[in-house]
């Protein structure tokens, strides 16, 4: 008579060695290379000039992306973190320090970052706020080299009145907007992700197809993603090293013929991904 071993199949399965499953997301090496190269490029940022109003700004040529947001959203900190320079954009514990339009070149005066005066909270007289708002409107409406905005919002207070106004201005001018939900380190991962999803849904309801991400200057959350967006919009491309030595190719003559199969050329296309505190 066959005797049972006393162990069920389920028990055997339970005690079997468990296979370790990796949930690490695979990263596209090309994207990583572009992000790293973009960050290195952004580190070359240099102060160009400050202008109190539109007609005194840098010549309106080339490409520029402006950083905008409430005075306490962390604009200066974001610019300094992205460029790896502590005082490129003057950060202050007192909101509203940036009172001019500040321009930074990126190794080329025709590729620029712009730090706009903060809005909505600056500790200055009301009359000064109205002057800033007028110049801000003029810049956004008339500046031809402006490709788009990085709009910063404190993750704990997104989509305030002036934020929505900026989004609508950009949409009316057909500018791209990349929203940064800053100070993401202030929330745990779950709540931060929920805010991100909520703001995405609200943008969809307003029919604004703008990109958005989490960001932290303190923990450098989202730094590479931001660098890739900036570089792509400012027409930065990876350097394409030559796959062969031109000087090593013999000159053709009437006495020397060769088939095209004798010369193998490997060409790889590189695709660019389309301050105040």
Protein backbone atom coordinates (compact mmCIF):
# COMPACT_ATOMS: atom_id res chain seq x y z
CA UNK A 1 0.00 0.00 0.00
CA UNK A 2 1.34 3.50 -0.95
CA UNK A 3 2.05 5.61 2.09
CA UNK A 4 1.67 9.35 2.02
CA UNK A 5 4.75 11.33 2.93
CA UNK A 6 2.54 13.53 5.09
CA UNK A 7 3.53 16.70 3.21
CA UNK A 8 1.20 18.30 0.74
CA UNK A 9 2.31 19.91 -2.50
CA UNK A 10 1.48 23.29 -1.04
CA UNK A 11 3.82 22.66 1.91
CA UNK A 12 6.64 21.68 -0.45
CA UNK A 13 6.09 24.83 -2.50
CA UNK A 14 6.08 26.96 0.65
CA UNK A 15 9.43 25.56 1.77
CA UNK A 16 11.03 25.66 -1.67
CA UNK A 17 13.82 28.21 -2.13
CA UNK A 18 12.32 31.50 -3.27
CA UNK A 19 13.62 33.15 -6.39
CA UNK A 20 14.64 36.75 -5.89
CA UNK A 21 12.71 39.09 -8.18
CA UNK A 22 14.24 42.40 -9.15
CA UNK A 23 11.94 45.35 -9.62
CA UNK A 24 14.68 47.76 -10.66
CA UNK A 25 13.50 49.81 -13.59
CA UNK A 26 15.74 49.50 -16.63
CA UNK A 27 17.13 52.86 -17.67
CA UNK A 28 17.73 53.69 -21.31
CA UNK A 29 21.49 54.29 -21.56
CA UNK A 30 20.97 56.89 -24.30
CA UNK A 31 18.65 58.91 -22.04
CA UNK A 32 21.11 58.67 -19.16
CA UNK A 33 23.98 59.81 -21.36
CA UNK A 34 21.95 62.77 -22.59
CA UNK A 35 20.94 63.71 -19.03
CA UNK A 36 24.51 63.60 -17.74
CA UNK A 37 25.80 65.55 -20.72
CA UNK A 38 22.98 68.09 -20.30
CA UNK A 39 23.86 68.62 -16.65
CA UNK A 40 27.52 69.16 -17.50
CA UNK A 41 26.49 71.70 -20.11
CA UNK A 42 24.23 73.55 -17.67
CA UNK A 43 27.14 73.76 -15.23
CA UNK A 44 28.77 76.17 -17.71
CA UNK A 45 26.14 78.84 -16.95
CA UNK A 46 27.48 82.35 -16.41
CA UNK A 47 25.80 85.58 -15.38
CA UNK A 48 25.17 87.74 -18.42
CA UNK A 49 23.23 90.80 -17.27
CA UNK A 50 20.24 92.16 -15.33
CA UNK A 51 17.54 94.37 -16.78
CA UNK A 52 14.85 96.35 -14.92
CA UNK A 53 12.54 96.32 -17.94
CA UNK A 54 11.99 94.71 -21.33
CA UNK A 55 13.65 97.34 -23.56
CA UNK A 56 16.91 96.99 -21.60
CA UNK A 57 17.12 93.20 -21.92
CA UNK A 58 19.68 91.18 -23.86
CA UNK A 59 19.24 91.35 -27.63
CA UNK A 60 16.15 89.35 -28.58
CA UNK A 61 17.88 86.57 -30.54
CA UNK A 62 18.61 82.88 -29.99
CA UNK A 63 16.79 80.75 -27.42
CA UNK A 64 15.95 81.29 -23.79
CA UNK A 65 13.90 79.60 -21.10
CA UNK A 66 12.57 81.62 -18.18
CA UNK A 67 12.10 80.45 -14.61
CA UNK A 68 8.94 81.87 -13.09
CA UNK A 69 6.97 81.36 -9.91
CA UNK A 70 5.94 82.81 -6.58
CA UNK A 71 8.70 84.50 -4.65
CA UNK A 72 8.85 81.64 -2.14
CA UNK A 73 8.72 78.78 -4.67
CA UNK A 74 12.49 78.21 -4.74
CA UNK A 75 13.50 79.62 -8.13
CA UNK A 76 17.00 80.70 -7.14
CA UNK A 77 17.68 77.42 -5.37
CA UNK A 78 16.52 75.42 -8.41
CA UNK A 79 18.75 77.41 -10.79
CA UNK A 80 21.75 77.10 -8.48
CA UNK A 81 21.23 73.35 -8.03
CA UNK A 82 20.80 72.77 -11.74
CA UNK A 83 23.93 74.75 -12.63
CA UNK A 84 25.90 73.42 -9.62
CA UNK A 85 26.74 76.97 -8.54
CA UNK A 86 25.81 78.16 -5.06
CA UNK A 87 25.35 81.85 -5.82
CA UNK A 88 24.68 82.10 -9.56
CA UNK A 89 21.13 83.16 -8.82
CA UNK A 90 21.04 85.12 -5.57
CA UNK A 91 19.00 83.13 -3.06
CA UNK A 92 17.72 84.75 0.08
CA UNK A 93 15.63 83.81 3.09
CA UNK A 94 13.63 86.93 2.35
CA UNK A 95 11.18 86.29 -0.54
CA UNK A 96 11.13 88.87 -3.32
CA UNK A 97 14.84 89.61 -3.57
CA UNK A 98 14.93 89.24 -7.36
CA UNK A 99 13.74 92.61 -8.66
CA UNK A 100 15.12 92.45 -12.20
CA UNK A 101 15.11 90.12 -15.18
CA UNK A 102 18.38 88.22 -14.86
CA UNK A 103 20.06 86.51 -17.83
CA UNK A 104 22.58 83.65 -17.76
CA UNK A 105 24.47 82.36 -20.80
CA UNK A 106 25.30 78.68 -21.37
CA UNK A 107 28.65 78.87 -23.12
CA UNK A 108 26.84 80.65 -25.93
CA UNK A 109 25.05 84.02 -25.56
CA UNK A 110 22.28 82.70 -27.83
CA UNK A 111 21.37 79.94 -25.35
CA UNK A 112 20.17 81.46 -22.09
CA UNK A 113 18.44 80.89 -18.78
CA UNK A 114 16.32 83.73 -17.42
CA UNK A 115 15.37 84.33 -13.79
CA UNK A 116 12.18 86.40 -13.62
CA UNK A 117 11.08 88.46 -10.60
CA UNK A 118 8.93 86.42 -8.24
CA UNK A 119 5.26 87.24 -7.93
CA UNK A 120 2.48 87.11 -5.38
CA UNK A 121 4.44 87.24 -2.12
CA UNK A 122 7.29 89.71 -2.40
CA UNK A 123 7.69 91.89 0.68
CA UNK A 124 7.68 95.15 -1.26
CA UNK A 125 5.20 98.03 -1.62
CA UNK A 126 2.09 97.39 -3.70
CA UNK A 127 3.14 99.99 -6.28
CA UNK A 128 6.36 98.05 -6.92
CA UNK A 129 4.41 94.82 -7.34
CA UNK A 130 2.31 96.48 -10.05
CA UNK A 131 5.46 97.65 -11.89
CA UNK A 132 6.91 94.12 -11.76
CA UNK A 133 3.67 92.62 -13.02
CA UNK A 134 3.57 95.05 -15.96
CA UNK A 135 7.16 94.26 -16.99
CA UNK A 136 6.54 90.54 -16.53
CA UNK A 137 3.53 90.71 -18.85
CA UNK A 138 5.54 92.66 -21.44
CA UNK A 139 8.34 90.11 -21.34
CA UNK A 140 6.00 87.14 -21.71
CA UNK A 141 4.00 88.71 -24.52
CA UNK A 142 6.69 90.37 -26.62
CA UNK A 143 9.92 88.41 -26.11
CA UNK A 144 10.48 86.47 -29.37
CA UNK A 145 13.47 84.40 -28.19
CA UNK A 146 11.45 83.03 -25.26
CA UNK A 147 10.88 79.33 -25.94
CA UNK A 148 8.96 78.55 -22.79
CA UNK A 149 8.76 78.59 -19.02
CA UNK A 150 9.82 76.48 -16.12
CA UNK A 151 7.01 77.29 -13.70
CA UNK A 152 7.86 76.51 -10.10
CA UNK A 153 5.20 75.78 -7.48
CA UNK A 154 5.70 74.75 -3.87
CA UNK A 155 4.35 71.19 -3.78
CA UNK A 156 2.37 72.09 -0.66
CA UNK A 157 0.61 75.02 -2.39
CA UNK A 158 0.27 74.30 -6.14
CA UNK A 159 -1.83 76.15 -8.71
CA UNK A 160 -2.29 79.44 -6.88
CA UNK A 161 -3.99 82.36 -8.65
CA UNK A 162 -0.85 83.79 -10.28
CA UNK A 163 0.32 80.30 -11.27
CA UNK A 164 -2.87 79.78 -13.27
CA UNK A 165 -2.44 83.22 -14.87
CA UNK A 166 1.08 82.29 -15.98
CA UNK A 167 -0.14 79.00 -17.45
CA UNK A 168 -2.84 80.82 -19.40
CA UNK A 169 -0.39 83.46 -20.69
CA UNK A 170 1.95 80.75 -21.89
CA UNK A 171 -0.87 78.85 -23.57
CA UNK A 172 -2.07 82.00 -25.36
CA UNK A 173 1.46 82.53 -26.72
CA UNK A 174 1.85 78.84 -27.60
CA UNK A 175 4.86 78.49 -25.31
CA UNK A 176 5.74 75.22 -23.66
CA UNK A 177 5.60 75.04 -19.85
CA UNK A 178 7.44 72.56 -17.66
CA UNK A 179 5.96 72.60 -14.16
CA UNK A 180 8.27 71.94 -11.21
CA UNK A 181 6.61 70.91 -7.99
CA UNK A 182 9.42 72.11 -5.75
CA UNK A 183 10.36 71.20 -2.17
CA UNK A 184 9.28 67.61 -2.80
CA UNK A 185 11.47 66.58 0.13
CA UNK A 186 8.88 68.18 2.45
CA UNK A 187 6.46 65.31 1.73
CA UNK A 188 6.81 61.55 1.85
CA UNK A 189 6.90 59.73 -1.48
CA UNK A 190 3.24 58.67 -1.42
CA UNK A 191 1.73 62.10 -0.69
CA UNK A 192 4.14 63.76 -3.14
CA UNK A 193 3.09 61.38 -5.91
CA UNK A 194 -0.58 62.08 -5.12
CA UNK A 195 -0.05 65.84 -5.47
CA UNK A 196 1.74 65.24 -8.78
CA UNK A 197 -1.22 63.21 -10.06
CA UNK A 198 -3.75 65.76 -8.80
CA UNK A 199 -2.01 68.66 -10.53
CA UNK A 200 -1.70 66.62 -13.75
CA UNK A 201 -5.45 66.01 -13.67
CA UNK A 202 -6.21 69.68 -13.05
CA UNK A 203 -4.03 70.70 -15.99
CA UNK A 204 -5.92 68.23 -18.18
CA UNK A 205 -9.23 69.70 -17.03
CA UNK A 206 -7.95 73.14 -18.06
CA UNK A 207 -6.89 71.58 -21.39
CA UNK A 208 -3.26 72.51 -20.78
CA UNK A 209 -0.97 69.81 -22.10
CA UNK A 210 2.11 70.82 -20.12
CA UNK A 211 4.80 68.56 -18.66
CA UNK A 212 5.26 68.29 -14.90
CA UNK A 213 7.63 66.68 -12.41
CA UNK A 214 8.67 66.54 -8.76
CA UNK A 215 11.78 68.47 -7.76
CA UNK A 216 13.88 69.12 -4.68
CA UNK A 217 16.93 71.39 -4.57
CA UNK A 218 17.86 69.88 -1.22
CA UNK A 219 17.79 66.20 -2.24
CA UNK A 220 18.28 66.80 -5.99
CA UNK A 221 15.10 64.88 -6.76
CA UNK A 222 14.29 65.18 -10.48
CA UNK A 223 17.54 66.95 -11.36
CA UNK A 224 18.43 64.85 -14.41
CA UNK A 225 14.87 65.01 -15.74
CA UNK A 226 14.90 68.81 -15.51
CA UNK A 227 18.32 69.00 -17.20
CA UNK A 228 17.10 66.89 -20.13
CA UNK A 229 14.03 69.09 -20.62
CA UNK A 230 16.09 72.28 -20.50
CA UNK A 231 18.73 71.01 -22.91
CA UNK A 232 16.18 69.69 -25.38
CA UNK A 233 14.26 72.97 -25.46
CA UNK A 234 17.43 75.01 -25.87
CA UNK A 235 18.58 72.95 -28.85
CA UNK A 236 21.49 71.29 -27.07
CA UNK A 237 22.78 68.12 -28.75
CA UNK A 238 25.35 65.55 -27.76
CA UNK A 239 28.68 65.89 -29.48
CA UNK A 240 28.92 63.28 -32.23
CA UNK A 241 32.47 61.93 -32.39
CA UNK A 242 33.64 60.85 -35.80
CA UNK A 243 33.42 57.06 -36.24
CA UNK A 244 36.51 57.02 -38.44
CA UNK A 245 39.69 58.96 -39.13
CA UNK A 246 39.25 61.07 -42.25
CA UNK A 247 43.01 61.37 -42.70
CA UNK A 248 43.35 57.58 -42.82
CA UNK A 249 41.15 57.25 -45.92
CA UNK A 250 43.30 56.92 -49.08
CA UNK A 251 42.63 59.30 -51.92
CA UNK A 252 40.88 57.71 -54.88
CA UNK A 253 42.68 57.66 -58.22
CA UNK A 254 42.07 56.28 -61.67
CA UNK A 255 44.39 53.38 -60.82
CA UNK A 256 42.65 52.48 -57.57
CA UNK A 257 39.09 51.26 -57.43
CA UNK A 258 37.27 49.88 -54.40
CA UNK A 259 33.85 48.54 -53.63
CA UNK A 260 31.66 50.38 -51.13
CA UNK A 261 31.52 47.19 -49.05
CA UNK A 262 35.24 47.64 -48.32
CA UNK A 263 34.51 50.73 -46.22
CA UNK A 264 32.29 50.22 -43.18
CA UNK A 265 31.05 53.36 -41.50
CA UNK A 266 29.08 53.20 -38.27
CA UNK A 267 26.91 56.27 -37.87
CA UNK A 268 24.79 56.66 -34.77
CA UNK A 269 22.11 59.28 -34.70
CA UNK A 270 21.85 61.18 -31.45
CA UNK A 271 18.37 62.50 -30.67
CA UNK A 272 17.87 65.55 -28.49
CA UNK A 273 14.85 65.37 -26.13
CA UNK A 274 12.63 67.84 -27.83
CA UNK A 275 15.56 83.71 -8.32
CA UNK A 276 14.19 84.48 -6.23
CA UNK A 277 13.37 82.83 -2.97
